Structures are given as structure tokens and as C-alpha cells.
Protein backbone atom coordinates (compact mmCIF):
# COMPACT_ATOMS: atom_id res chain seq x y z
CA MET A 1 46.34 26.20 4.95
CA ALA A 2 43.01 27.47 6.08
CA LYS A 3 42.08 26.79 9.70
CA ARG A 4 38.90 25.11 10.83
CA SER A 5 35.85 27.18 11.59
CA ALA A 6 35.23 27.53 15.34
CA ASN A 7 31.44 27.44 14.95
CA SER A 8 29.70 24.06 14.77
CA ASN A 9 26.85 25.73 12.84
CA ASP A 10 29.31 26.52 10.07
CA GLN A 11 30.12 22.83 9.86
CA LYS A 12 26.47 21.94 9.31
CA GLY A 13 26.22 24.58 6.62
CA LYS A 14 29.23 23.23 4.84
CA GLU A 15 27.86 19.71 4.84
CA LYS A 16 24.79 20.86 2.90
CA GLN A 17 26.91 22.21 0.06
CA PRO A 18 27.38 19.83 -2.87
CA GLN A 19 30.77 18.17 -3.09
CA ASN A 20 33.26 19.45 -5.68
CA ALA A 21 31.23 22.64 -6.17
CA HIS A 22 34.49 24.59 -6.21
CA PRO A 23 38.02 23.56 -7.15
CA PRO A 24 40.01 22.36 -4.11
CA ALA A 25 42.34 24.76 -2.37
CA LYS A 26 46.06 24.43 -2.95
CA LYS A 27 46.72 23.63 0.70
CA ALA A 28 44.94 21.29 3.06
CA ARG A 29 41.70 22.68 4.37
CA PHE A 30 40.02 21.40 7.48
CA GLU A 31 37.10 22.29 9.69
CA GLN A 32 38.00 23.52 13.16
CA ALA A 33 36.80 21.26 15.96
CA SER A 34 34.10 23.19 17.84
CA THR A 35 34.40 23.66 21.60
CA SER A 36 31.42 23.33 23.93
CA LYS A 37 29.80 26.35 25.63
CA GLN A 38 30.68 25.00 29.07
CA THR A 39 34.35 24.95 28.19
CA ASN A 40 34.22 28.54 26.95
CA GLN A 41 32.42 29.70 30.11
CA LYS A 42 35.03 28.05 32.34
CA GLN A 43 37.82 29.73 30.42
CA GLN A 44 36.15 33.14 30.84
CA GLN A 45 35.66 32.65 34.59
CA GLN A 46 39.22 31.57 35.28
CA PRO A 47 41.74 34.41 35.90
CA GLN A 48 44.27 34.93 33.17
CA PRO A 49 47.77 33.77 34.17
CA GLN A 50 50.41 36.49 34.51
CA PRO A 51 53.36 36.24 32.14
CA SER A 52 56.46 34.94 33.90
CA LYS A 53 59.92 36.36 33.50
CA PRO A 54 61.98 34.69 30.82
CA ASN A 55 64.45 32.15 32.14
CA LYS A 56 67.80 32.57 30.44
CA ASN A 57 68.96 29.19 31.67
CA LYS A 58 65.89 27.37 30.34
CA LYS A 59 67.75 25.61 27.55
CA LYS A 60 70.59 24.72 29.89
CA ASN A 61 68.24 23.35 32.54
CA LYS A 62 66.36 21.41 29.89
CA GLN A 63 69.54 19.68 28.84
CA GLN A 64 70.54 18.88 32.41
CA GLN A 65 67.20 17.27 33.31
CA PRO A 66 66.88 13.83 31.68
CA GLN A 67 63.56 13.23 29.98
CA PRO A 68 61.76 10.01 31.00
CA ALA A 69 61.43 7.44 28.22
CA THR A 70 57.98 7.26 26.67
CA VAL A 71 56.56 3.76 26.80
CA VAL A 72 54.02 3.03 24.08
CA ALA A 73 51.75 0.10 24.84
CA SER A 74 50.72 -2.22 22.05
CA PRO A 75 47.03 -1.80 21.18
CA ALA A 76 44.80 -4.81 21.70
CA ALA A 77 43.66 -6.85 18.73
CA PRO A 78 40.46 -5.22 17.39
CA LEU A 79 37.04 -6.84 17.54
CA THR A 80 35.74 -4.63 14.73
CA PHE A 81 37.59 -3.58 11.59
CA ILE A 82 36.88 -1.54 8.48
CA VAL A 83 37.78 -2.63 4.96
CA SER A 84 37.99 0.27 2.47
CA ALA A 85 38.34 -0.29 -1.27
CA GLY A 86 38.60 2.06 -4.26
CA SER A 87 37.65 1.46 -7.88
CA TYR A 88 38.24 2.63 -11.45
CA GLU A 89 34.69 3.97 -11.35
CA ARG A 90 35.86 6.46 -8.63
CA ILE A 91 33.65 4.81 -5.99
CA LEU A 92 34.91 4.30 -2.44
CA TYR A 93 33.49 1.24 -0.65
CA GLY A 94 33.50 0.46 3.06
CA LEU A 95 32.71 -2.74 4.99
CA GLU A 96 32.39 -3.00 8.77
CA CYS A 97 33.47 -6.50 9.81
CA GLN A 98 33.52 -8.52 13.02
CA PHE A 99 33.41 -12.13 14.14
CA ILE A 100 30.14 -13.42 15.58
CA ALA A 101 30.28 -16.24 18.12
CA SER A 102 28.61 -19.47 17.01
CA ASP A 103 25.93 -21.22 19.07
CA SER A 104 27.99 -24.39 18.98
CA THR A 105 31.35 -24.54 20.76
CA LEU A 106 32.62 -26.85 18.02
CA GLU A 107 32.08 -24.32 15.23
CA ARG A 108 34.37 -21.42 14.47
CA PRO A 109 33.03 -17.87 14.83
CA LYS A 110 31.49 -16.52 11.62
CA LEU A 111 32.72 -13.31 10.02
CA GLN A 112 30.03 -10.71 9.38
CA ALA A 113 30.76 -8.06 6.73
CA THR A 114 28.27 -5.18 6.59
CA PRO A 115 28.44 -2.43 3.92
CA VAL A 116 28.61 0.98 5.63
CA PHE A 117 29.40 3.35 2.78
CA SER A 118 29.57 3.44 -1.02
CA PHE A 119 29.82 6.71 -2.94
CA PRO A 120 31.81 8.50 -5.71
CA ALA A 121 34.70 9.98 -3.75
CA HIS A 122 36.84 11.43 -6.56
CA LEU A 123 36.51 12.95 -10.02
CA SER A 124 38.36 10.00 -11.61
CA SER A 125 39.63 6.53 -10.70
CA ILE A 126 40.97 5.83 -7.20
CA ARG A 127 44.44 4.29 -7.11
CA SER A 128 45.34 4.16 -3.41
CA VAL A 129 43.74 4.09 0.06
CA ALA A 130 45.34 3.99 3.51
CA ALA A 131 44.29 4.48 7.14
CA SER A 132 46.13 6.09 10.04
CA LEU A 133 47.47 3.76 12.73
CA LEU A 134 48.38 3.96 16.40
CA PRO A 135 52.12 3.66 17.16
CA SER A 136 53.01 0.21 18.42
CA PRO A 137 56.33 -1.32 19.50
CA ALA A 138 55.12 -4.78 18.51
CA THR A 139 56.53 -6.27 15.32
CA GLY A 140 56.07 -9.60 13.65
CA SER A 141 52.28 -9.26 13.50
CA GLU A 142 49.66 -7.37 11.52
CA ARG A 143 48.05 -5.66 14.53
CA LYS A 144 47.06 -2.50 12.69
CA VAL A 145 44.78 -0.51 14.98
CA GLY A 146 43.73 3.11 14.59
CA GLY A 147 41.31 4.04 11.88
CA LYS A 148 40.95 7.70 12.85
CA TYR A 149 41.64 8.93 9.32
CA LEU A 150 41.25 7.32 5.92
CA VAL A 151 42.99 8.85 2.91
CA SER A 152 42.22 8.17 -0.75
CA GLY A 153 43.90 9.38 -3.92
CA GLY A 154 43.93 8.77 -7.63
CA MET A 155 44.05 10.26 -11.09
CA ASP A 156 42.45 13.57 -10.06
CA GLU A 157 45.73 14.40 -8.25
CA VAL A 158 43.94 15.06 -4.95
CA VAL A 159 44.35 13.31 -1.59
CA LYS A 160 41.08 13.32 0.32
CA VAL A 161 41.00 12.84 4.09
CA TRP A 162 38.01 11.12 5.70
CA ASP A 163 36.95 10.65 9.31
CA LEU A 164 36.20 6.92 9.50
CA LYS A 165 34.15 7.16 12.71
CA ARG A 166 31.92 9.98 11.49
CA LYS A 167 31.91 8.72 7.87
CA LYS A 168 32.53 12.19 6.42
CA GLU A 169 35.15 14.13 4.49
CA VAL A 170 37.24 16.46 6.66
CA GLY A 171 39.70 17.92 4.18
CA THR A 172 41.80 17.66 1.02
CA LEU A 173 45.52 17.79 0.29
CA ASP A 174 46.07 19.37 -3.09
CA GLY A 175 48.93 21.09 -4.90
CA ASP A 176 51.88 19.67 -2.93
CA ALA A 177 51.85 16.30 -4.74
CA PRO A 178 51.15 16.91 -8.46
CA GLY A 179 50.47 13.94 -10.67
CA THR A 180 48.38 10.80 -10.23
CA ILE A 181 48.49 9.41 -6.69
CA THR A 182 49.95 5.90 -7.01
CA SER A 183 50.75 4.82 -3.44
CA MET A 184 50.23 6.09 0.13
CA LYS A 185 51.65 4.90 3.44
CA PHE A 186 51.15 6.11 7.02
CA VAL A 187 54.23 5.97 9.26
CA PRO A 188 52.79 6.03 12.80
CA ASN A 189 56.18 6.10 14.55
CA ARG A 190 57.01 9.30 12.65
CA ASN A 191 53.49 10.79 12.53
CA MET A 192 53.87 11.00 8.75
CA LEU A 193 51.96 10.23 5.58
CA LEU A 194 53.97 9.30 2.46
CA VAL A 195 52.34 10.06 -0.89
CA ALA A 196 53.95 8.75 -4.12
CA THR A 197 52.95 10.19 -7.50
CA THR A 198 53.63 9.95 -11.21
CA ASP A 199 55.48 13.28 -10.92
CA CYS A 200 58.72 11.46 -9.91
CA ALA A 201 58.37 12.47 -6.24
CA ILE A 202 57.23 11.36 -2.78
CA THR A 203 55.52 13.97 -0.60
CA LEU A 204 55.69 13.88 3.21
CA TYR A 205 52.87 15.26 5.38
CA ARG A 206 52.70 15.59 9.16
CA VAL A 207 49.46 13.90 10.19
CA ARG A 208 48.77 16.02 13.30
CA ASP A 209 48.03 19.19 11.33
CA TRP A 210 48.52 17.97 7.71
CA VAL A 211 51.44 20.31 7.10
CA HIS A 212 53.56 19.59 4.03
CA LEU A 213 56.97 18.69 5.48
CA ARG A 214 59.07 18.09 2.38
CA THR A 215 59.18 16.46 -1.05
CA LEU A 216 61.58 13.58 -1.72
CA LYS A 217 63.03 13.77 -5.23
CA GLY A 218 65.38 11.36 -6.96
CA HIS A 219 63.37 9.07 -9.24
CA LYS A 220 63.62 9.81 -12.98
CA GLY A 221 60.08 8.66 -13.76
CA ARG A 222 56.80 7.91 -12.05
CA VAL A 223 56.96 6.37 -8.57
CA ASN A 224 54.78 3.25 -8.51
CA ALA A 225 55.06 2.19 -4.87
CA VAL A 226 56.51 3.24 -1.51
CA ASP A 227 56.68 1.37 1.79
CA ALA A 228 58.19 2.35 5.15
CA HIS A 229 60.21 0.06 7.41
CA PRO A 230 58.23 -0.97 10.54
CA ALA A 231 60.64 1.06 12.69
CA GLY A 232 59.77 4.17 10.67
CA ARG A 233 63.31 5.36 9.98
CA VAL A 234 63.68 4.47 6.33
CA ALA A 235 61.44 3.79 3.34
CA LEU A 236 61.85 2.01 0.02
CA SER A 237 60.37 3.01 -3.33
CA VAL A 238 60.32 1.65 -6.88
CA GLY A 239 59.24 3.16 -10.16
CA GLN A 240 59.58 3.62 -13.88
CA ASP A 241 63.33 4.36 -13.75
CA LYS A 242 64.11 0.70 -12.84
CA MET A 243 65.70 1.79 -9.56
CA LEU A 244 65.06 0.74 -5.96
CA ARG A 245 65.63 3.76 -3.72
CA MET A 246 66.13 3.96 0.03
CA TRP A 247 65.04 7.14 1.83
CA ASP A 248 66.06 8.46 5.23
CA LEU A 249 62.76 9.73 6.66
CA VAL A 250 64.50 11.69 9.43
CA ALA A 251 66.91 13.60 7.20
CA GLY A 252 64.41 13.65 4.33
CA LYS A 253 66.72 12.54 1.54
CA SER A 254 67.67 9.59 -0.65
CA VAL A 255 70.58 7.65 0.86
CA ALA A 256 71.06 4.67 -1.46
CA THR A 257 69.94 3.17 -4.79
CA LEU A 258 69.96 -0.24 -6.44
CA LYS A 259 69.46 -1.05 -10.11
CA ILE A 260 66.79 -3.75 -10.45
CA GLY A 261 66.78 -3.95 -14.25
CA GLU A 262 63.02 -3.60 -14.78
CA GLU A 263 60.30 -1.13 -13.88
CA GLY A 264 59.27 -1.76 -10.28
CA ASP A 265 55.56 -2.18 -9.65
CA VAL A 266 55.44 -3.05 -5.92
CA VAL A 267 57.80 -2.93 -2.93
CA ARG A 268 56.77 -4.39 0.42
CA TRP A 269 58.50 -4.91 3.79
CA ASN A 270 57.67 -7.97 5.84
CA THR A 271 56.04 -7.47 9.23
CA ASP A 272 59.21 -7.32 11.36
CA GLY A 273 61.44 -5.54 8.84
CA THR A 274 63.90 -8.40 8.29
CA LYS A 275 63.26 -8.75 4.56
CA PHE A 276 61.37 -7.12 1.69
CA ALA A 277 59.99 -8.04 -1.72
CA THR A 278 59.80 -6.31 -5.08
CA ILE A 279 57.54 -7.05 -8.05
CA CYS A 280 58.71 -6.25 -11.57
CA ASN A 281 55.98 -7.39 -13.96
CA LYS A 282 56.31 -11.21 -14.05
CA THR A 283 59.16 -11.48 -11.51
CA LEU A 284 58.94 -11.37 -7.72
CA THR A 285 62.14 -11.19 -5.65
CA VAL A 286 62.50 -11.48 -1.86
CA TYR A 287 65.62 -9.84 -0.39
CA ALA A 288 67.28 -10.12 3.02
CA LEU A 289 68.72 -7.04 4.72
CA ASP A 290 72.18 -7.88 3.37
CA MET A 291 70.63 -7.76 -0.14
CA SER A 292 71.01 -11.50 -0.65
CA VAL A 293 68.15 -13.04 -2.65
CA ILE A 294 65.98 -15.32 -0.51
CA ARG A 295 63.41 -16.34 -3.12
CA THR A 296 62.63 -15.58 -6.75
CA LEU A 297 59.27 -16.34 -8.37
CA THR A 298 58.38 -16.05 -12.05
CA ALA A 299 55.07 -16.50 -13.84
CA PRO A 300 53.73 -16.46 -17.41
CA SER A 301 51.59 -13.43 -16.48
CA ARG A 302 52.25 -10.54 -14.12
CA PHE A 303 52.08 -10.47 -10.32
CA HIS A 304 49.98 -7.72 -8.75
CA ASP A 305 50.72 -7.67 -5.01
CA VAL A 306 52.64 -9.43 -2.24
CA ARG A 307 52.24 -9.72 1.53
CA PHE A 308 54.10 -11.42 4.38
CA CYS A 309 52.86 -12.87 7.67
CA TYR A 310 53.97 -15.11 10.53
CA PHE A 311 51.48 -17.77 11.61
CA PRO A 312 50.55 -18.98 14.20
CA LEU A 313 50.80 -15.61 15.90
CA ASP A 314 52.50 -16.94 19.05
CA ALA A 315 56.25 -16.50 18.47
CA GLU A 316 56.98 -19.31 20.94
CA ASP A 317 54.88 -21.77 18.95
CA PRO A 318 57.33 -24.26 17.36
CA THR A 319 55.03 -24.57 14.34
CA GLN A 320 55.23 -20.84 13.49
CA LYS A 321 56.32 -20.16 9.93
CA GLU A 322 56.59 -17.14 7.67
CA TYR A 323 54.34 -17.19 4.63
CA LEU A 324 54.36 -15.20 1.40
CA PHE A 325 51.04 -14.32 -0.25
CA VAL A 326 51.15 -13.46 -3.95
CA ALA A 327 48.23 -11.94 -5.91
CA CYS A 328 48.16 -13.38 -9.43
CA GLU A 329 46.63 -12.59 -12.81
CA ASP A 330 44.55 -15.79 -12.92
CA GLY A 331 42.33 -14.76 -9.99
CA LYS A 332 44.18 -16.79 -7.35
CA THR A 333 46.37 -15.86 -4.38
CA ARG A 334 49.20 -18.33 -3.95
CA ILE A 335 50.80 -19.00 -0.56
CA PHE A 336 54.49 -19.90 -0.25
CA ASP A 337 56.35 -21.12 2.84
CA LEU A 338 59.42 -18.90 3.31
CA SER A 339 60.61 -21.07 6.20
CA ARG A 340 61.11 -24.00 3.84
CA GLU A 341 64.54 -24.22 2.26
CA GLU A 342 64.43 -24.42 -1.52
CA LYS A 343 66.96 -26.39 -3.54
CA GLU A 344 69.01 -24.26 -5.90
CA GLY A 345 67.34 -24.11 -9.30
CA ALA A 346 64.15 -25.77 -8.05
CA GLU A 347 60.83 -24.09 -8.81
CA SER A 348 58.87 -22.95 -5.74
CA GLU A 349 55.51 -24.63 -5.27
CA PRO A 350 52.66 -22.99 -3.31
CA VAL A 351 51.58 -24.73 -0.11
CA ALA A 352 48.00 -23.47 -0.51
CA VAL A 353 45.88 -21.31 -2.83
CA LEU A 354 43.16 -18.78 -1.97
CA VAL A 355 40.30 -19.03 -4.46
CA GLY A 356 37.04 -17.16 -5.00
CA HIS A 357 37.82 -14.59 -7.71
CA SER A 358 37.07 -14.93 -11.42
CA ASN A 359 39.54 -12.28 -12.58
CA ARG A 360 42.93 -10.87 -11.62
CA VAL A 361 43.59 -10.21 -7.91
CA LYS A 362 44.67 -6.57 -7.71
CA MET A 363 45.66 -6.11 -4.06
CA LEU A 364 45.87 -7.85 -0.67
CA ASP A 365 45.89 -6.79 2.97
CA ILE A 366 46.32 -8.74 6.21
CA LEU A 367 45.02 -7.78 9.65
CA GLU A 368 45.04 -9.40 13.09
CA VAL A 369 41.47 -9.58 14.43
CA ALA A 370 40.21 -10.66 17.85
CA TYR A 371 37.82 -13.57 18.22
CA PRO A 372 34.75 -13.14 20.48
CA THR A 373 36.02 -16.24 22.33
CA THR A 374 39.05 -16.60 24.59
CA THR A 375 40.87 -19.49 22.89
CA PRO A 376 42.34 -18.71 20.48
CA SER A 377 42.16 -15.01 21.22
CA SER A 378 42.82 -13.74 17.69
CA THR A 379 43.49 -14.72 14.10
CA LEU A 380 44.70 -13.20 10.84
CA VAL A 381 42.19 -12.11 8.21
CA LEU A 382 43.36 -11.63 4.62
CA THR A 383 41.36 -9.33 2.36
CA SER A 384 41.65 -9.54 -1.42
CA ILE A 385 40.07 -7.46 -4.17
CA SER A 386 39.70 -8.16 -7.86
CA THR A 387 38.54 -6.55 -11.07
CA ASP A 388 35.60 -8.97 -10.85
CA GLY A 389 34.14 -6.56 -8.25
CA LYS A 390 34.39 -8.86 -5.23
CA ILE A 391 35.93 -8.17 -1.83
CA ASN A 392 36.84 -11.56 -0.31
CA LEU A 393 37.93 -12.22 3.27
CA TYR A 394 39.82 -15.33 4.42
CA ASP A 395 40.47 -16.61 7.96
CA LEU A 396 44.08 -17.80 8.03
CA SER A 397 43.50 -19.92 11.16
CA SER A 398 42.77 -22.79 8.77
CA LEU A 399 46.16 -22.36 7.11
CA PRO A 400 48.23 -24.92 9.11
CA SER A 401 45.68 -27.68 8.59
CA SER A 402 45.34 -26.82 4.89
CA LEU A 403 49.00 -26.98 3.98
CA GLY A 404 49.73 -29.09 0.96
CA THR A 405 50.69 -28.54 -2.63
CA GLY A 406 47.93 -26.45 -4.17
CA HIS A 407 45.29 -26.97 -1.43
CA GLU A 408 42.43 -24.51 -2.04
CA ILE A 409 40.97 -22.26 0.68
CA GLU A 410 37.56 -20.62 0.20
CA PRO A 411 36.64 -17.16 1.58
CA ILE A 412 34.62 -17.03 4.81
CA ALA A 413 32.92 -13.77 3.76
CA SER A 414 32.49 -11.88 0.50
CA HIS A 415 30.93 -8.68 -0.80
CA ASP A 416 30.02 -8.11 -4.43
CA THR A 417 30.19 -4.50 -5.67
CA ASP A 418 28.18 -5.39 -8.81
CA GLY A 419 31.05 -5.37 -11.26
CA SER A 420 33.16 -2.44 -10.09
CA ARG A 421 36.78 -2.77 -11.16
CA LEU A 422 38.44 -2.58 -7.75
CA THR A 423 41.96 -1.15 -7.63
CA CYS A 424 43.08 -0.81 -4.00
CA VAL A 425 42.17 -1.95 -0.48
CA PHE A 426 43.14 -1.32 3.14
CA ALA A 427 41.95 -3.02 6.35
CA VAL A 428 42.31 -1.37 9.77
CA GLY A 429 41.11 -2.25 13.27
CA MET A 430 38.89 0.26 15.05
CA VAL A 431 39.53 1.37 18.63
CA GLY A 432 36.48 0.35 20.64
CA GLY A 433 34.63 -0.65 17.46
CA ALA A 434 33.16 1.52 14.73
CA LYS A 435 29.87 3.31 15.30
CA THR A 436 27.09 2.76 12.81
CA LYS A 437 24.51 5.53 12.73
CA LYS A 438 20.93 4.33 13.16
CA ALA A 439 17.71 6.22 12.63
CA SER A 440 15.84 7.16 15.83
CA GLU A 441 13.66 9.91 17.24
CA ASP A 442 16.70 11.72 18.56
CA GLY A 443 18.97 10.65 15.72
CA GLU A 444 20.30 14.13 15.07
CA ALA A 445 21.26 14.55 18.73
CA ALA A 446 23.00 11.19 18.65
CA VAL A 447 25.07 12.23 15.64
CA GLU A 448 26.03 15.51 17.31
CA SER A 449 27.04 13.63 20.47
CA GLU A 450 29.21 11.33 18.37
CA GLU A 451 30.88 14.30 16.68
CA ASP A 452 31.55 15.98 20.03
CA GLU A 453 33.17 12.78 21.28
CA SER A 454 35.35 12.58 18.18
CA GLU A 455 36.32 16.24 18.56
CA GLU A 456 37.35 15.63 22.18
CA GLU A 457 39.53 12.78 20.94
CA ASP A 458 41.06 15.15 18.36
CA GLU A 459 42.02 17.62 21.09
CA LYS A 460 43.38 14.89 23.37
CA GLU A 461 45.47 13.30 20.62
CA GLY A 462 46.71 16.71 19.52
CA ASP A 463 47.96 17.46 23.04
CA GLU A 464 49.71 14.10 23.27
CA GLU A 465 51.39 14.60 19.89
CA GLU A 466 52.57 18.10 20.83
CA ASP A 467 54.16 16.69 24.00
CA GLY A 468 55.83 13.96 21.97
CA GLU A 469 57.22 16.45 19.43
CA GLU A 470 59.31 18.29 22.03
CA GLY A 471 62.86 18.27 20.79
CA GLU A 472 61.89 17.24 17.25
CA ASP A 473 64.23 19.79 15.70
CA GLU A 474 67.15 18.34 17.65
CA GLU A 475 66.23 14.86 16.43
CA LEU A 476 66.39 15.92 12.80
CA GLU A 477 69.98 17.03 13.29
CA GLU A 478 71.11 13.80 14.96
CA ASP A 479 72.84 11.05 12.99
CA GLU A 480 70.71 7.96 12.47
CA ASP A 481 72.01 4.46 13.10
CA GLU A 482 73.34 2.93 9.90
CA PHE A 483 70.72 0.80 8.21
CA GLU A 484 71.81 -2.79 7.83
CA GLY A 485 72.21 -4.26 4.39
CA ILE A 486 73.02 -1.44 2.00
CA GLY A 487 76.31 -2.94 0.90
CA GLU A 488 75.15 -3.50 -2.67
CA PHE A 489 73.29 -0.21 -2.87
CA GLU A 490 75.03 2.72 -4.52
CA ASP A 491 75.55 5.55 -2.04
CA GLU A 492 73.80 8.75 -3.06
CA GLU A 493 75.99 11.74 -3.85
CA ASP A 494 75.27 14.86 -1.87
């Protein structure tokens, strides 16, 4: 893997070169974050530290001194979020969204969606996008905050890494994950990126320096989807071989399998990791951790995606329920109440339907977003994409009052891509809000200042991650707690 150039002038020169002028390198390539002149001068003026004598008892002392537990605070709900969507036409779209307070106290805040980028990002169709997230101990909500990096991948077998704040490409991952990129998932608690491909494998990267950690092999055909448990210890995947596989992300191996009878298209954990769902063409199944079936849905045409959420967000609210959102072929997203007990043999009926698309709904994403007002402080926004070219956004705060068999909910904001066949979407909250570049007399200086700020954040985050990785080798050798609910899985042979 080539290291970044230490000269900021080299970065400017690289930006002028046309994209895809040369074939991508086999390893990840990134530009080195430039350091300021003042920092270099201070380093030259400071006396060089003398090397200390090696301490033979260092390892022993390290074991005797208990390390304080690291407390990770939950990030606040974001005021600004970015919606990124890919298309068959290889175009990557980006919307910057935020709620705007209404003049009237009786009216709800309005959601403003502003296009911030639209360009051909790959040589062929884009199949998956994902954004890096900050680690958070909170579960049971969709508070996905981070947005430092965006990754996109597709049929050109290349994963591209983008800096969302600076709106620029910073590197590519190529050669470690051959085959079409079908699914990608960041695991913030493990500092990992999972990349599933049609080459029967799942590739693991370390996000701090984009090093290829290992390749998970076990599927006998293309891997269609992968999703990590919220705790970050295990992941599930489905594919062409009609098997559901469980992976130990610490040991880096397959630990259990389950025959599901059909090719798996989608696998998705719920927000607190107490259940998961699989989609096999026209059948959707929700499982508990003990592998008991909670709900089964069938349709005359195929399902495309599934999401879970708890709402209202306050866990102490007696009206809180868990809902299941299902993207359907007929252009509608149907909402089912998982808290409602279904009679055996009875057909599940949706409690509400999200409308606004004229063609199949390809993918969904849900994100907690802060209101500009104090009460309520936040809400859930669902984003849906379709082959009709529209990106629709729905405020789920109207969900409790809209419950009823088949009640229709309209989008509160929409963006039309003029007929692009959208394939994938991801929504992520931005820390402190995204920065939109505006033309001014000193516009170039403003951009450079923004890049310097981002580079300082890179260095700061890198230091924090290095501190957190102390003892990582020891952790890989430790035995993990047994994952609940693998009784009906077949144990993998060593």
C-alpha cells in the first residue's frame, strides 16, 4: 500500500489529473495528510529525546497495572445528515438534509434536501454504498453519526473511498476483494469494513489505515448480503448457496451455518440485536436469537429490502412498538407492527404504507435526526430509493397517529434524479453539520482551511485509535462469549 504524499502541493497536482487515467493499484492508495510549517519548525527546535534503556519487566508490569475502562459516549442526534445513493448508470448522488423550523409553532419543521454532488463515480453500475460511523454504546435506535468516509462499490470490482466533508476521492481498495461488490458494512466497534462479493468471499479491512485484515471464505457461490450484529462480535451473511452463515469477527472464521432452502437476497439485524430478518425472493422471515420464527411474510412478487425500528424513541414510553419496514416490488413500503401478536395461520396486514414511488423500491435506510426545536428533540427519517429515479424521505413522527390497516403516508421531501435507476442508499448524520463550499473572493483559501481542519481530525482520530488498539493481539486470542441462539445452526468443522 502506497503511503500518502507529505507535500500538499502534490495533492493539488493529483486533483488536476483526470480520474481513471491509469488502472487502480492492487492495494489501497491514499494521500498523506500534509503537516503545517509551524508544526515542522516546532519539531526541529525541540531537542530529540534520548533512547531509554529497555525494561525487561515491561510486559510483567503492564499485566500488573489494570487498564482503566474506556467509556464511549453516545453521539448526539445530528442536525444535518447526508443521503448517498448509487445507480445502474454508475452515478453517485448526494443530498445534504436538515430540518428547518417553521414560523408557526403549530406546524412541524420542514425537511430541506439540497443536492451537493452528482457524478460518475465508477466504470460500471454501483451496487453498494456505506458510511463510517462513530462507536456508540447506545442500541435500540438508529443514531448513526460519523460520515468521515463514504465507500462505494459495484461491478467494476473496486471499492472507492470518499471524504464526505471535503467531497473528494481519497483512495481505492482493489485486488483484495475480486468480483462484483454486492454489500458493504462498517463495524465501528471493531474499526472494520466488511465487503461481500460475487467471488464467494467477505473481505475485512481495518478502517484506520485501510489494511486488508483477512478474507472470510465458506460460501459456495456469490455472497449477496452481509450485516454485523450491533455489538460488533459476529456477522451474518446469505448468498447463492442457500445458506445463512454466522461469522466470528474476532477470530475471523465461520462458526455456524443454517440451510434456508432458497438463495438469500438480504439479511438484516434489528437495531438492538435481538432478532434478524432474511429475504429469499418472495419470502421474508424474522428470526429470534433462539432461531424461532417470529414472523413470515409472502408476496406474489419479490421483496427488496427490510428495516427495523422502535418508535417512539423513548424506551420508557408505554406506546413504544417495534416496526418492520418492507420494500416491495409495487413501489410501496409496507409497515408491520412486530409488537402485535399474530394468530397462527393468519396473514399479516400492514398498519401503514409509505407511498410516493411509481416503480419497485430497491432499498431503505432509517436515521435518527434532531429537530431544530426542543420538544420533541428528534425523530426518525426513513429514506427510500426506487428505479423510478426518486429519493424519498419520510418523517416517522406521524407514524403513531397514522396507524391503521393500509393508511398511506406521503414523503415530506423528495429528489428526482431524472430517471436514474437507483440501486443502493445510505444515510448518515454529520458531526457538527456538513460544510458546503461556496464561491467567494478567498474561496481557495477557505477550501484549504477546511482541508487542514479535516487533516487535523485525521491525525487526532488516528492517535485515539492507536491508543485503543493496545492489546489487540491479546484480544484476538481470547475466547469470545458464546453467541445466543445457534442451537439450530450446524457447527462449522475446523
